[in-house]
C-alpha atoms as a PDB file:
ATOM      1  CA  MET A   1      -6.278  30.941 -46.612  1.00  0.00           C
ATOM      2  CA  ASN A   2      -5.462  28.313 -49.272  1.00  0.00           C
ATOM      3  CA  GLU A   3      -3.048  26.557 -46.922  1.00  0.00           C
ATOM      4  CA  LEU A   4      -5.783  26.375 -44.266  1.00  0.00           C
ATOM      5  CA  LEU A   5      -8.231  24.798 -46.716  1.00  0.00           C
ATOM      6  CA  LYS A   6      -5.719  22.477 -48.419  1.00  0.00           C
ATOM      7  CA  PRO A   7      -6.555  19.409 -46.257  1.00  0.00           C
ATOM      8  CA  PHE A   8     -10.200  19.717 -47.321  1.00  0.00           C
ATOM      9  CA  LEU A   9      -9.478  19.776 -51.046  1.00  0.00           C
ATOM     10  CA  LEU A  10      -9.037  16.782 -53.319  1.00  0.00           C
ATOM     11  CA  ASN A  11      -5.674  16.438 -55.071  1.00  0.00           C
ATOM     12  CA  ASP A  12      -4.353  13.715 -57.353  1.00  0.00           C
ATOM     13  CA  GLU A  13      -1.798  13.305 -60.110  1.00  0.00           C
ATOM     14  CA  PHE A  14      -0.807  10.826 -62.790  1.00  0.00           C
ATOM     15  CA  ILE A  15       1.428  10.552 -65.853  1.00  0.00           C
ATOM     16  CA  PHE A  16      -0.041  10.736 -69.361  1.00  0.00           C
ATOM     17  CA  ASN A  17       1.999   8.956 -72.029  1.00  0.00           C
ATOM     18  CA  GLY A  18       2.209  11.730 -74.585  1.00  0.00           C
ATOM     19  CA  THR A  19       2.700  15.450 -74.972  1.00  0.00           C
ATOM     20  CA  ILE A  20       0.307  18.197 -73.900  1.00  0.00           C
ATOM     21  CA  ASP A  21      -0.814  18.532 -77.530  1.00  0.00           C
ATOM     22  CA  GLN A  22      -1.555  14.799 -77.740  1.00  0.00           C
ATOM     23  CA  LEU A  23      -3.539  14.992 -74.497  1.00  0.00           C
ATOM     24  CA  ASN A  24      -5.489  17.938 -75.891  1.00  0.00           C
ATOM     25  CA  GLU A  25      -6.262  16.001 -79.083  1.00  0.00           C
ATOM     26  CA  LYS A  26      -7.381  12.933 -77.146  1.00  0.00           C
ATOM     27  CA  ILE A  27      -9.790  15.025 -75.119  1.00  0.00           C
ATOM     28  CA  ARG A  28     -11.135  16.950 -78.125  1.00  0.00           C
ATOM     29  CA  PHE A  29     -11.560  14.184 -80.703  1.00  0.00           C
ATOM     30  CA  GLN A  30     -12.754  11.179 -78.760  1.00  0.00           C
ATOM     31  CA  ASN A  31     -16.307  11.894 -77.711  1.00  0.00           C
ATOM     32  CA  ASN A  32     -17.135   8.783 -75.693  1.00  0.00           C
ATOM     33  CA  LYS A  33     -16.061  10.347 -72.416  1.00  0.00           C
ATOM     34  CA  LYS A  34     -18.236  10.823 -69.325  1.00  0.00           C
ATOM     35  CA  PHE A  35     -17.096  14.376 -68.683  1.00  0.00           C
ATOM     36  CA  ARG A  36     -16.675  17.643 -70.542  1.00  0.00           C
ATOM     37  CA  THR A  37     -13.745  20.054 -70.527  1.00  0.00           C
ATOM     38  CA  ASP A  38     -13.151  23.771 -70.763  1.00  0.00           C
ATOM     39  CA  TRP A  39      -9.589  24.862 -71.541  1.00  0.00           C
ATOM     40  CA  ILE A  40      -8.328  27.809 -69.482  1.00  0.00           C
ATOM     41  CA  GLN A  41      -4.800  27.986 -70.903  1.00  0.00           C
ATOM     42  CA  TYR A  42      -2.517  25.828 -73.005  1.00  0.00           C
ATOM     43  CA  ASN A  43      -1.576  23.736 -69.972  1.00  0.00           C
ATOM     44  CA  GLU A  44      -4.673  24.082 -67.781  1.00  0.00           C
ATOM     45  CA  PHE A  45      -8.306  23.040 -68.077  1.00  0.00           C
ATOM     46  CA  LYS A  46     -11.463  22.531 -66.042  1.00  0.00           C
ATOM     47  CA  PHE A  47     -13.348  19.273 -66.311  1.00  0.00           C
ATOM     48  CA  PHE A  48     -17.007  18.786 -65.413  1.00  0.00           C
ATOM     49  CA  SER A  49     -19.133  15.776 -64.681  1.00  0.00           C
ATOM     50  CA  LYS A  50     -21.997  15.251 -67.109  1.00  0.00           C
ATOM     51  CA  TRP A  51     -24.244  14.395 -64.162  1.00  0.00           C
ATOM     52  CA  SER A  52     -24.256  15.397 -60.536  1.00  0.00           C
ATOM     53  CA  PHE A  53     -26.525  14.165 -57.791  1.00  0.00           C
ATOM     54  CA  GLY A  54     -25.296  16.724 -55.260  1.00  0.00           C
ATOM     55  CA  THR A  55     -25.858  19.756 -57.488  1.00  0.00           C
ATOM     56  CA  LEU A  56     -28.697  18.329 -59.621  1.00  0.00           C
ATOM     57  CA  VAL A  57     -26.835  18.789 -62.892  1.00  0.00           C
ATOM     58  CA  ILE A  58     -27.641  16.580 -65.870  1.00  0.00           C
ATOM     59  CA  THR A  59     -26.230  17.133 -69.360  1.00  0.00           C
ATOM     60  CA  GLY A  60     -28.784  18.629 -71.719  1.00  0.00           C
ATOM     61  CA  ILE A  61     -30.832  20.312 -68.988  1.00  0.00           C
ATOM     62  CA  PRO A  62     -30.070  24.030 -68.575  1.00  0.00           C
ATOM     63  CA  ASN A  63     -28.599  24.882 -65.192  1.00  0.00           C
ATOM     64  CA  ALA A  64     -26.942  27.925 -63.652  1.00  0.00           C
ATOM     65  CA  PHE A  65     -24.316  25.839 -61.849  1.00  0.00           C
ATOM     66  CA  ASP A  66     -21.278  24.014 -63.187  1.00  0.00           C
ATOM     67  CA  GLY A  67     -21.931  20.969 -61.051  1.00  0.00           C
ATOM     68  CA  ILE A  68     -19.087  18.745 -59.953  1.00  0.00           C
ATOM     69  CA  LYS A  69     -15.810  19.977 -61.422  1.00  0.00           C
ATOM     70  CA  GLY A  70     -12.084  19.740 -61.090  1.00  0.00           C
ATOM     71  CA  TYR A  71      -9.034  21.552 -62.389  1.00  0.00           C
ATOM     72  CA  ALA A  72      -6.095  20.006 -64.233  1.00  0.00           C
ATOM     73  CA  ASN A  73      -2.610  21.478 -64.601  1.00  0.00           C
ATOM     74  CA  LEU A  74      -0.344  19.921 -67.203  1.00  0.00           C
ATOM     75  CA  GLN A  75       3.430  19.848 -67.030  1.00  0.00           C
ATOM     76  CA  GLN A  76       5.640  18.351 -69.737  1.00  0.00           C
ATOM     77  CA  ILE A  77       8.177  15.949 -68.217  1.00  0.00           C
ATOM     78  CA  GLY A  78      10.539  14.390 -70.658  1.00  0.00           C
ATOM     79  CA  GLU A  79      10.026  14.139 -74.356  1.00  0.00           C
ATOM     80  CA  ASN A  80       6.814  12.149 -74.434  1.00  0.00           C
ATOM     81  CA  LYS A  81       5.295  12.329 -70.948  1.00  0.00           C
ATOM     82  CA  THR A  82       2.981  14.824 -69.275  1.00  0.00           C
ATOM     83  CA  LYS A  83       2.338  15.124 -65.561  1.00  0.00           C
ATOM     84  CA  VAL A  84      -1.356  15.796 -64.906  1.00  0.00           C
ATOM     85  CA  GLU A  85      -2.135  17.378 -61.533  1.00  0.00           C
ATOM     86  CA  LEU A  86      -5.805  17.314 -60.543  1.00  0.00           C
ATOM     87  CA  ARG A  87      -7.358  19.465 -57.827  1.00  0.00           C
ATOM     88  CA  THR A  88     -10.644  20.844 -56.584  1.00  0.00           C
ATOM     89  CA  LYS A  89     -11.609  24.135 -55.002  1.00  0.00           C
ATOM     90  CA  VAL A  90     -13.941  24.794 -52.102  1.00  0.00           C
ATOM     91  CA  ARG A  91     -17.517  24.666 -53.343  1.00  0.00           C
ATOM     92  CA  ILE A  92     -19.533  27.875 -53.133  1.00  0.00           C
ATOM     93  CA  GLU A  93     -22.526  25.899 -51.842  1.00  0.00           C
ATOM     94  CA  LEU A  94     -20.619  25.104 -48.657  1.00  0.00           C
ATOM     95  CA  TYR A  95     -19.993  28.797 -48.040  1.00  0.00           C
ATOM     96  CA  ILE A  96     -23.651  29.617 -48.700  1.00  0.00           C
ATOM     97  CA  PHE A  97     -24.796  26.872 -46.315  1.00  0.00           C
ATOM     98  CA  LEU A  98     -22.420  28.070 -43.607  1.00  0.00           C
ATOM     99  CA  VAL A  99     -23.533  31.717 -43.965  1.00  0.00           C
ATOM    100  CA  PHE A 100     -27.198  30.661 -43.888  1.00  0.00           C
ATOM    101  CA  ILE A 101     -26.808  28.620 -40.698  1.00  0.00           C
ATOM    102  CA  ILE A 102     -24.775  31.355 -38.986  1.00  0.00           C
ATOM    103  CA  PHE A 103     -27.455  33.894 -39.980  1.00  0.00           C
ATOM    104  CA  ILE A 104     -30.150  31.689 -38.413  1.00  0.00           C
ATOM    105  CA  CYS A 105     -28.094  31.355 -35.208  1.00  0.00           C
ATOM    106  CA  VAL A 106     -27.489  35.118 -34.953  1.00  0.00           C
ATOM    107  CA  ILE A 107     -31.199  35.892 -35.478  1.00  0.00           C
ATOM    108  CA  GLY A 108     -32.080  33.313 -32.827  1.00  0.00           C
ATOM    109  CA  PHE A 109     -29.702  34.834 -30.277  1.00  0.00           C
ATOM    110  CA  ILE A 110     -30.843  38.403 -31.065  1.00  0.00           C
ATOM    111  CA  ALA A 111     -34.510  37.430 -30.723  1.00  0.00           C
ATOM    112  CA  ASP A 112     -33.634  36.021 -27.293  1.00  0.00           C
ATOM    113  CA  SER A 113     -36.180  33.272 -27.678  1.00  0.00           C
ATOM    114  CA  ASP A 114     -35.878  29.629 -26.838  1.00  0.00           C
ATOM    115  CA  PHE A 115     -33.228  28.724 -29.351  1.00  0.00           C
ATOM    116  CA  PRO A 116     -33.368  25.073 -30.437  1.00  0.00           C
ATOM    117  CA  SER A 117     -30.086  23.367 -29.631  1.00  0.00           C
ATOM    118  CA  TRP A 118     -30.455  21.025 -32.602  1.00  0.00           C
ATOM    119  CA  ILE A 119     -29.516  23.954 -34.872  1.00  0.00           C
ATOM    120  CA  LEU A 120     -26.025  23.949 -33.340  1.00  0.00           C
ATOM    121  CA  ILE A 121     -25.721  20.272 -34.303  1.00  0.00           C
ATOM    122  CA  LEU A 122     -27.005  21.051 -37.805  1.00  0.00           C
ATOM    123  CA  ILE A 123     -24.017  23.271 -38.632  1.00  0.00           C
ATOM    124  CA  PRO A 124     -21.208  20.694 -38.497  1.00  0.00           C
ATOM    125  CA  SER A 125     -23.354  17.751 -39.574  1.00  0.00           C
ATOM    126  CA  GLY A 126     -24.770  19.627 -42.579  1.00  0.00           C
ATOM    127  CA  LEU A 127     -21.349  20.817 -43.678  1.00  0.00           C
ATOM    128  CA  LEU A 128     -19.891  17.319 -43.310  1.00  0.00           C
ATOM    129  CA  TRP A 129     -22.787  15.784 -45.261  1.00  0.00           C
ATOM    130  CA  PHE A 130     -22.477  18.203 -48.181  1.00  0.00           C
ATOM    131  CA  TRP A 131     -18.700  17.862 -48.175  1.00  0.00           C
ATOM    132  CA  PHE A 132     -18.998  14.048 -48.216  1.00  0.00           C
ATOM    133  CA  VAL A 133     -21.548  13.981 -51.077  1.00  0.00           C
ATOM    134  CA  TYR A 134     -19.418  16.342 -53.174  1.00  0.00           C
ATOM    135  CA  ARG A 135     -16.195  14.493 -52.345  1.00  0.00           C
ATOM    136  CA  VAL A 136     -17.562  11.139 -53.498  1.00  0.00           C
ATOM    137  CA  GLN A 137     -18.694  12.642 -56.814  1.00  0.00           C
ATOM    138  CA  GLU A 138     -15.414  14.540 -57.264  1.00  0.00           C
ATOM    139  CA  ARG A 139     -13.489  11.298 -56.704  1.00  0.00           C
ATOM    140  CA  ILE A 140     -15.640   9.563 -59.350  1.00  0.00           C
ATOM    141  CA  LEU A 141     -14.975  12.428 -61.792  1.00  0.00           C
ATOM    142  CA  PHE A 142     -11.207  12.279 -61.130  1.00  0.00           C
ATOM    143  CA  ASN A 143     -11.227   8.533 -61.791  1.00  0.00           C
ATOM    144  CA  GLN A 144     -13.220   8.976 -65.025  1.00  0.00           C
ATOM    145  CA  LEU A 145     -10.704  11.516 -66.341  1.00  0.00           C
ATOM    146  CA  LYS A 146      -7.721   9.435 -65.246  1.00  0.00           C
ATOM    147  CA  ASN A 147      -9.114   6.205 -66.740  1.00  0.00           C
ATOM    148  CA  TYR A 148      -9.967   7.982 -69.999  1.00  0.00           C
ATOM    149  CA  LEU A 149      -6.526   9.519 -70.423  1.00  0.00           C
ATOM    150  CA  VAL A 150      -4.518   6.497 -69.284  1.00  0.00           C
ATOM    151  CA  SER A 151      -6.408   3.961 -71.425  1.00  0.00           C
ATOM    152  CA  LYS A 152      -4.998   3.162 -74.853  1.00  0.00           C
END
């Protein structure tokens, strides 16, 4: 399933000039960043945008959702360099939207009523719209993390 979804996910990578420990310190001790992090393992963390238009997340306001996020895997290459691989996962909202639209279509066919054809157009256009809005914000988040870690 992951191979099928791979073209729809965002992936990026860059080289950090320093060790994994130095990268960890930079993230923890410099607080002027536009994102927050949550370490999963020594060499893996999640990073979240402090604001999100698509998921209505704003720092300081309680919310049940994580908002726009990405995952980073760190791999030491050489003595003083770390390869940072960034990726996203399929958003749960897209699955929920797809299930909701399919449910509406099934109910419409079962009811055997005049089923509006515009609903069939809503499925792909709605999914593409949500995917596009999330993708733009994920790209911004990736660039914020990359710029923060690459800057001196």
